[in-house]
Amino acid sequence: TAPRAVCVPKNTLKLIAQANNLQPKVYQLLSETNFTNTTSREKGKTTLQKLIGTQRIPKSLADTFLDTYLNYLEESHVQVRTAHADSPDFIVDSAYQEAVVIDTLLDIWSQASVRSFEQVSSSSDHIHAVLFPAPLLLIQQKQAIASGVGYSFDLRTNLKNRITIQGMWGVFDSTQPFDSYYLDVATLTTVQETIQKKA
């Protein structure tokens, strides 16, 4: 089945910003930033990221996020990303547990806003582009119980009379210890295996 996805539209971001009185703070930040001065711009970016990233989610929205995460997204790992064709993608994979997902959502929002802030050449005219640069997506990422790779030859000898299968619990990572199986091509029976001790 296809992974489930949820869009967090700009209107929802506006509700969060409104609950945190964010718009006047960002308006003041844009008005006070000298966009031709590197130091002023960098200070503005840092302030903007902190303003957005440390917001509190209103209880009604937090309850909706929690219900969506636990039930619709099945309390799984999720990818959090921007969802607008005109916005460069900001992506975090494998966010897990509701508090981390909400923190990651705020972090992606703040990164996208900082990118918009970097492109601003005049102040308050751009407040909506800076504050609400793109909707956000939460995409379910189901985790593998076990995974691996297979080769149509014996990796040790390069002979084609055996098949090599390498696998491990979770998502396969060749830099970590993995199990190896060598199968006879004709019978598909295991000729040799190397099993790693489980931690």
Protein backbone atom coordinates (compact mmCIF):
# COMPACT_ATOMS: atom_id res chain seq x y z
CA THR A 1 0.00 0.00 0.00
CA ALA A 2 1.07 3.56 -0.65
CA PRO A 3 2.33 5.55 2.32
CA ARG A 4 -0.18 7.94 3.86
CA ALA A 5 0.46 11.67 3.74
CA VAL A 6 -0.98 14.73 5.46
CA CYS A 7 -0.69 18.32 4.26
CA VAL A 8 -0.30 21.11 6.80
CA PRO A 9 -1.64 24.06 4.78
CA LYS A 10 -0.55 27.67 5.11
CA ASN A 11 -3.84 28.46 6.88
CA THR A 12 -2.86 26.09 9.70
CA LEU A 13 0.56 27.75 9.94
CA LYS A 14 -1.25 31.11 10.15
CA LEU A 15 -3.34 29.83 13.09
CA ILE A 16 -0.17 28.75 14.91
CA ALA A 17 1.49 32.10 14.18
CA GLN A 18 -1.62 33.99 15.34
CA ALA A 19 -1.70 32.07 18.63
CA ASN A 20 1.95 33.04 19.20
CA ASN A 21 1.50 36.70 18.14
CA LEU A 22 4.17 36.02 15.54
CA GLN A 23 3.18 38.35 12.70
CA PRO A 24 3.92 41.65 14.52
CA LYS A 25 7.25 40.25 15.73
CA VAL A 26 8.28 39.27 12.21
CA TYR A 27 6.97 42.59 10.84
CA GLN A 28 9.22 44.40 13.34
CA LEU A 29 12.15 42.13 12.47
CA LEU A 30 11.77 42.86 8.76
CA SER A 31 11.46 46.59 9.43
CA GLU A 32 14.60 46.65 11.59
CA THR A 33 16.80 44.48 9.36
CA ASN A 34 19.22 46.20 7.01
CA PHE A 35 19.16 43.78 4.06
CA THR A 36 22.27 45.33 2.51
CA ASN A 37 24.29 44.63 5.66
CA THR A 38 25.53 41.03 6.09
CA THR A 39 25.69 41.20 9.90
CA SER A 40 22.15 42.58 10.11
CA ARG A 41 20.83 39.92 7.72
CA GLU A 42 22.51 37.08 9.64
CA LYS A 43 21.15 38.38 12.93
CA GLY A 44 17.69 38.60 11.34
CA LYS A 45 17.90 35.01 10.08
CA THR A 46 18.87 33.70 13.51
CA THR A 47 16.07 35.65 15.19
CA LEU A 48 13.50 34.48 12.63
CA GLN A 49 14.51 30.83 13.02
CA LYS A 50 14.17 31.10 16.79
CA LEU A 51 10.81 32.91 16.60
CA ILE A 52 9.28 30.20 14.39
CA GLY A 53 11.08 27.19 15.85
CA THR A 54 10.10 27.89 19.46
CA GLN A 55 6.38 28.49 18.93
CA ARG A 56 3.82 26.68 21.07
CA ILE A 57 1.13 24.79 19.18
CA PRO A 58 -2.39 25.74 20.40
CA LYS A 59 -4.07 22.87 22.27
CA SER A 60 -6.83 22.35 19.69
CA LEU A 61 -4.28 22.03 16.87
CA ALA A 62 -1.95 19.91 19.01
CA ASP A 63 -4.84 17.52 19.70
CA THR A 64 -5.58 17.31 15.97
CA PHE A 65 -1.91 16.65 15.16
CA LEU A 66 -1.77 13.98 17.85
CA ASP A 67 -4.93 12.25 16.61
CA THR A 68 -3.71 12.37 13.00
CA TYR A 69 -0.29 11.04 13.92
CA LEU A 70 -1.52 8.23 16.17
CA ASN A 71 -4.42 7.08 14.00
CA TYR A 72 -4.07 8.13 10.36
CA LEU A 73 -0.26 7.97 10.20
CA GLU A 74 -0.34 4.92 12.51
CA GLU A 75 2.27 6.31 14.91
CA SER A 76 4.97 5.50 12.35
CA HIS A 77 8.13 7.27 11.27
CA VAL A 78 7.34 10.22 9.02
CA GLN A 79 9.15 12.42 6.56
CA VAL A 80 8.52 16.12 7.14
CA ARG A 81 9.06 18.39 4.14
CA THR A 82 7.97 21.54 2.36
CA ALA A 83 5.20 20.99 -0.18
CA HIS A 84 5.36 23.85 -2.64
CA ALA A 85 6.70 23.71 -6.18
CA ASP A 86 8.28 27.17 -5.90
CA SER A 87 10.00 26.43 -2.59
CA PRO A 88 13.28 24.55 -2.35
CA ASP A 89 12.69 21.31 -0.49
CA PHE A 90 13.61 21.04 3.15
CA ILE A 91 13.33 17.43 4.26
CA VAL A 92 13.79 15.50 7.50
CA ASP A 93 13.40 11.72 7.35
CA SER A 94 12.28 9.31 10.05
CA ALA A 95 10.83 11.75 12.57
CA TYR A 96 9.21 9.56 15.23
CA GLN A 97 6.90 10.17 18.20
CA GLU A 98 4.48 13.06 18.30
CA ALA A 99 6.67 15.60 20.14
CA VAL A 100 9.57 15.04 17.72
CA VAL A 101 7.24 15.29 14.71
CA ILE A 102 5.86 18.65 15.93
CA ASP A 103 9.38 19.96 16.69
CA THR A 104 10.52 18.81 13.23
CA LEU A 105 7.53 20.51 11.60
CA LEU A 106 8.46 23.80 13.30
CA ASP A 107 12.10 23.32 12.29
CA ILE A 108 11.26 22.73 8.60
CA TRP A 109 8.93 25.74 8.68
CA SER A 110 11.68 27.91 10.18
CA GLN A 111 14.25 26.71 7.59
CA ALA A 112 11.90 27.49 4.71
CA SER A 113 11.16 30.93 6.21
CA VAL A 114 14.85 31.69 6.59
CA ARG A 115 15.36 30.81 2.91
CA SER A 116 12.59 33.26 1.97
CA PHE A 117 14.11 35.85 4.31
CA GLU A 118 17.45 35.49 2.47
CA GLN A 119 15.73 36.44 -0.79
CA VAL A 120 13.96 39.53 0.58
CA SER A 121 15.18 42.86 -0.74
CA SER A 122 12.67 45.15 0.93
CA SER A 123 11.03 44.92 4.31
CA SER A 124 7.38 44.55 5.27
CA ASP A 125 6.04 43.97 1.73
CA HIS A 126 7.30 40.38 1.98
CA ILE A 127 5.98 39.38 5.40
CA HIS A 128 3.62 36.65 4.13
CA ALA A 129 6.27 35.16 1.83
CA VAL A 130 8.72 35.06 4.74
CA LEU A 131 6.33 33.88 7.42
CA PHE A 132 4.36 31.34 5.35
CA PRO A 133 6.68 30.25 2.53
CA ALA A 134 5.09 26.85 1.82
CA PRO A 135 2.64 24.26 3.09
CA LEU A 136 4.23 21.30 4.83
CA LEU A 137 3.83 17.57 4.27
CA LEU A 138 3.99 14.67 6.71
CA ILE A 139 4.59 11.44 4.79
CA GLN A 140 4.41 8.05 6.46
CA GLN A 141 7.66 6.05 6.31
CA LYS A 142 7.02 2.45 7.24
CA GLN A 143 10.14 0.83 8.61
CA ALA A 144 11.43 -2.52 7.39
CA ILE A 145 11.53 -5.42 9.86
CA ALA A 146 14.48 -6.80 7.91
CA SER A 147 16.08 -6.00 4.56
CA GLY A 148 19.08 -6.82 2.44
CA VAL A 149 20.69 -7.08 -0.97
CA GLY A 150 21.29 -9.98 -3.32
CA TYR A 151 23.97 -10.71 -5.93
CA SER A 152 23.88 -13.23 -8.79
CA PHE A 153 27.41 -14.45 -7.97
CA ASP A 154 29.58 -15.36 -4.99
CA LEU A 155 31.02 -12.06 -3.74
CA ARG A 156 34.07 -13.81 -2.28
CA THR A 157 35.13 -15.68 -5.44
CA ASN A 158 33.22 -13.89 -8.26
CA LEU A 159 32.01 -17.34 -9.43
CA LYS A 160 28.47 -17.55 -10.78
CA ASN A 161 27.68 -20.98 -9.31
CA ARG A 162 26.47 -19.33 -6.09
CA ILE A 163 24.17 -16.45 -5.13
CA THR A 164 25.10 -14.07 -2.32
CA ILE A 165 22.45 -12.61 -0.02
CA GLN A 166 23.32 -10.06 2.66
CA GLY A 167 20.74 -8.98 5.21
CA MET A 168 20.10 -7.48 8.61
CA TRP A 169 17.27 -6.47 10.94
CA GLY A 170 15.82 -3.06 10.02
CA VAL A 171 17.04 -1.06 7.04
CA PHE A 172 20.11 -2.57 5.37
CA ASP A 173 23.31 -0.62 5.91
CA SER A 174 26.48 -2.12 4.45
CA THR A 175 28.62 -0.18 6.95
CA GLN A 176 27.07 -2.19 9.83
CA PRO A 177 27.51 -5.91 10.60
CA PHE A 178 25.16 -8.01 8.45
CA ASP A 179 24.36 -11.69 7.84
CA SER A 180 25.65 -13.36 4.66
CA TYR A 181 24.15 -16.38 2.90
CA TYR A 182 25.62 -18.24 -0.07
CA LEU A 183 23.14 -20.32 -2.10
CA ASP A 184 23.76 -22.90 -4.78
CA VAL A 185 22.41 -21.55 -8.08
CA ALA A 186 20.98 -24.90 -9.23
CA THR A 187 19.22 -25.97 -6.00
CA LEU A 188 18.84 -22.62 -4.14
CA THR A 189 19.98 -24.39 -0.97
CA THR A 190 22.22 -22.60 1.50
CA VAL A 191 25.82 -23.75 1.07
CA GLN A 192 27.33 -21.44 3.67
CA GLU A 193 26.15 -18.69 6.00
CA THR A 194 27.70 -16.16 8.33
CA ILE A 195 25.34 -14.96 11.05
CA GLN A 196 26.18 -11.95 13.21
CA LYS A 197 25.57 -12.17 16.94
CA LYS A 198 22.50 -10.20 17.93
CA ALA A 199 23.11 -7.43 20.44
